[in-house]
Each structure stands twice: as structure tokens, then as C-alpha cells.
C-alpha atoms as a PDB file:
ATOM      1  CA  MET A   1      -3.564  -4.155 -18.501  1.00  0.00           C
ATOM      2  CA  ILE A   2      -3.729  -0.668 -20.030  1.00  0.00           C
ATOM      3  CA  CYS A   3      -7.101  -0.788 -19.189  1.00  0.00           C
ATOM      4  CA  SER A   4      -6.861  -2.402 -15.816  1.00  0.00           C
ATOM      5  CA  SER A   5      -3.935   0.420 -15.295  1.00  0.00           C
ATOM      6  CA  ILE A   6      -6.913   3.060 -15.980  1.00  0.00           C
ATOM      7  CA  CYS A   7      -9.516   1.800 -14.156  1.00  0.00           C
ATOM      8  CA  ALA A   8      -6.938   1.497 -11.532  1.00  0.00           C
ATOM      9  CA  CYS A   9      -5.754   5.064 -11.699  1.00  0.00           C
ATOM     10  CA  ILE A  10      -9.150   6.371 -11.864  1.00  0.00           C
ATOM     11  CA  GLY A  11     -10.118   4.327  -8.813  1.00  0.00           C
ATOM     12  CA  GLN A  12      -7.355   6.134  -6.628  1.00  0.00           C
ATOM     13  CA  LEU A  13      -8.127   9.212  -7.996  1.00  0.00           C
ATOM     14  CA  LEU A  14     -11.510   9.334  -6.596  1.00  0.00           C
ATOM     15  CA  TRP A  15      -9.890   7.913  -3.521  1.00  0.00           C
ATOM     16  CA  LYS A  16      -8.355  11.048  -3.500  1.00  0.00           C
ATOM     17  CA  LEU A  17     -11.470  13.129  -4.371  1.00  0.00           C
ATOM     18  CA  SER A  18     -13.425  11.453  -1.632  1.00  0.00           C
ATOM     19  CA  ALA A  19     -11.699  13.175   1.016  1.00  0.00           C
ATOM     20  CA  ALA A  20     -13.108  16.325   0.104  1.00  0.00           C
ATOM     21  CA  GLN A  21     -16.483  14.850  -1.341  1.00  0.00           C
ATOM     22  CA  GLY A  22     -18.066  11.817   0.609  1.00  0.00           C
ATOM     23  CA  LEU A  23     -18.400   8.674   0.472  1.00  0.00           C
ATOM     24  CA  VAL A  24     -20.474   8.290  -2.250  1.00  0.00           C
ATOM     25  CA  ILE A  25     -17.086   9.128  -4.398  1.00  0.00           C
ATOM     26  CA  MET A  26     -15.162   6.854  -2.311  1.00  0.00           C
ATOM     27  CA  PHE A  27     -17.492   3.637  -3.144  1.00  0.00           C
ATOM     28  CA  LEU A  28     -17.113   4.627  -6.549  1.00  0.00           C
ATOM     29  CA  GLY A  29     -13.366   4.483  -6.142  1.00  0.00           C
ATOM     30  CA  PHE A  30     -13.712   0.926  -5.430  1.00  0.00           C
ATOM     31  CA  VAL A  31     -15.778  -0.141  -8.023  1.00  0.00           C
ATOM     32  CA  PHE A  32     -12.933   1.536 -10.720  1.00  0.00           C
ATOM     33  CA  TYR A  33     -10.158  -0.084  -8.484  1.00  0.00           C
ATOM     34  CA  GLY A  34     -12.234  -3.567  -8.504  1.00  0.00           C
ATOM     35  CA  ALA A  35     -12.798  -3.446 -11.940  1.00  0.00           C
ATOM     36  CA  GLY A  36      -9.118  -2.944 -12.919  1.00  0.00           C
ATOM     37  CA  ALA A  37      -8.569  -6.063 -10.709  1.00  0.00           C
ATOM     38  CA  LEU A  38     -10.875  -8.311 -12.691  1.00  0.00           C
ATOM     39  CA  ILE A  39      -9.309  -6.785 -15.682  1.00  0.00           C
ATOM     40  CA  MET A  40      -6.182  -7.694 -14.733  1.00  0.00           C
ATOM     41  CA  ILE A  41      -6.951 -11.210 -13.704  1.00  0.00           C
ATOM     42  CA  ILE A  42      -8.568 -11.851 -17.116  1.00  0.00           C
ATOM     43  CA  ALA A  43      -5.670 -10.575 -18.908  1.00  0.00           C
ATOM     44  CA  TYR A  44      -3.427 -13.168 -16.552  1.00  0.00           C
ATOM     45  CA  LYS A  45      -5.423 -16.150 -17.877  1.00  0.00           C
ATOM     46  CA  PHE A  46      -4.031 -15.005 -21.647  1.00  0.00           C
ATOM     47  CA  GLY A  47      -0.693 -13.603 -21.572  1.00  0.00           C
ATOM     48  CA  LYS A  48       2.741 -14.032 -19.990  1.00  0.00           C
ATOM     49  CA  LEU A  49       3.265 -12.319 -16.418  1.00  0.00           C
ATOM     50  CA  SER A  50       6.703 -11.490 -17.339  1.00  0.00           C
ATOM     51  CA  VAL A  51       5.260  -9.079 -20.025  1.00  0.00           C
ATOM     52  CA  LEU A  52       1.469  -7.939 -18.571  1.00  0.00           C
ATOM     53  CA  GLN A  53       3.346  -7.031 -14.980  1.00  0.00           C
ATOM     54  CA  PRO A  54       5.382  -4.412 -16.388  1.00  0.00           C
ATOM     55  CA  ILE A  55       2.576  -2.794 -18.190  1.00  0.00           C
ATOM     56  CA  LEU A  56       1.422  -1.955 -14.981  1.00  0.00           C
ATOM     57  CA  SER A  57       3.899   0.116 -14.466  1.00  0.00           C
ATOM     58  CA  LEU A  58       1.935   2.502 -16.427  1.00  0.00           C
ATOM     59  CA  ASN A  59      -0.188   3.470 -13.735  1.00  0.00           C
ATOM     60  CA  TYR A  60       2.594   6.080 -12.501  1.00  0.00           C
ATOM     61  CA  ALA A  61       2.197   7.992 -15.793  1.00  0.00           C
ATOM     62  CA  LEU A  62      -0.960   8.024 -15.429  1.00  0.00           C
ATOM     63  CA  SER A  63      -1.169   9.218 -11.998  1.00  0.00           C
ATOM     64  CA  ILE A  64       1.095  12.160 -13.079  1.00  0.00           C
ATOM     65  CA  VAL A  65      -1.457  13.031 -15.697  1.00  0.00           C
ATOM     66  CA  LEU A  66      -4.604  12.843 -13.654  1.00  0.00           C
ATOM     67  CA  GLY A  67      -2.981  14.514 -10.829  1.00  0.00           C
ATOM     68  CA  PHE A  68      -2.351  17.433 -13.433  1.00  0.00           C
ATOM     69  CA  VAL A  69      -5.664  17.584 -15.132  1.00  0.00           C
ATOM     70  CA  PHE A  70      -7.817  16.862 -11.681  1.00  0.00           C
ATOM     71  CA  LEU A  71      -5.790  18.125  -8.956  1.00  0.00           C
ATOM     72  CA  ASP A  72      -3.851  21.215 -10.632  1.00  0.00           C
ATOM     73  CA  GLU A  73      -0.498  19.250  -9.917  1.00  0.00           C
ATOM     74  CA  THR A  74       2.579  20.648 -11.667  1.00  0.00           C
ATOM     75  CA  ILE A  75       4.636  18.148 -13.953  1.00  0.00           C
ATOM     76  CA  THR A  76       8.277  19.135 -14.005  1.00  0.00           C
ATOM     77  CA  ALA A  77      10.825  18.201 -16.542  1.00  0.00           C
ATOM     78  CA  LEU A  78      12.102  15.564 -14.252  1.00  0.00           C
ATOM     79  CA  LYS A  79       8.540  13.802 -13.925  1.00  0.00           C
ATOM     80  CA  VAL A  80       8.405  13.964 -17.972  1.00  0.00           C
ATOM     81  CA  VAL A  81      11.908  12.122 -17.866  1.00  0.00           C
ATOM     82  CA  GLY A  82      10.368   9.768 -15.884  1.00  0.00           C
ATOM     83  CA  VAL A  83       7.404   8.812 -17.726  1.00  0.00           C
ATOM     84  CA  LEU A  84       9.345   8.713 -20.792  1.00  0.00           C
ATOM     85  CA  VAL A  85      11.733   5.979 -19.128  1.00  0.00           C
ATOM     86  CA  ILE A  86       8.794   4.182 -17.928  1.00  0.00           C
ATOM     87  CA  MET A  87       6.780   3.895 -21.711  1.00  0.00           C
ATOM     88  CA  SER A  88      10.301   3.301 -23.335  1.00  0.00           C
ATOM     89  CA  GLY A  89      10.698   0.099 -20.550  1.00  0.00           C
ATOM     90  CA  VAL A  90       6.898  -0.887 -21.428  1.00  0.00           C
ATOM     91  CA  ILE A  91       7.667  -0.730 -25.149  1.00  0.00           C
ATOM     92  CA  CYS A  92      10.638  -2.844 -24.924  1.00  0.00           C
ATOM     93  CA  ILE A  93       9.177  -5.209 -22.800  1.00  0.00           C
ATOM     94  CA  ALA A  94       5.553  -5.814 -24.508  1.00  0.00           C
ATOM     95  CA  GLY A  95       6.912  -5.418 -27.839  1.00  0.00           C
ATOM     96  CA  GLY A  96       9.689  -7.849 -27.527  1.00  0.00           C
ATOM     97  CA  ASP A  97       7.147 -10.446 -26.750  1.00  0.00           C
ATOM     98  CA  GLU A  98       7.099 -13.292 -29.042  1.00  0.00           C
ATOM     99  CA  GLU A  99       4.722 -15.873 -28.628  1.00  0.00           C
END
């Protein structure tokens, strides 16, 4: 699911960049986003929905990092706190799975 999140976030970043850089970048964004969806479907086959679905919330944390690195967006203290809360929740849910 982490790999799915990474692919989806890269796809969304490429969609954002395609507004200035054209259709090729937009198509590449669809490729990454589609790959993320396929990886997610495969993960659902092998894991519990109640554990896997919350891991996708890492998209929010990764989006903040990608925005900072590629789009020169600022990371505020409140965003850092939000990312830490998200990561704590993912660790609690995914780390507590006993199967």
C-alpha cells in the first residue's frame, strides 16, 4: 500500500505539473496513478481492508513532501504536526494487526 501511495502521489504531482508542461506529463501522471491503483488492488487480495485502507492516508504526508520539493511550497509547523498524527495512526493500525 505504501508503494501504491507513492505512485498515486507522483501521478497527482505530474497532473499538477502538466498544467505548465503539457499532455505528455499528464499522460505520465495517468500511468503512475494507474500503477498505484493496480498495486492497491493486488494488496487488497492479500491483506485486510481495515488495515490496508488507512495506510493510504500516507498520501497526505507524501503530498506535503512532494509539494515542498518540487513546487516550492512551504511546510508549516501545523503541517508537520498533521503528518506526525497521520504517521502515528498508520503505525497504530498497521502495526497492531495480528494475523
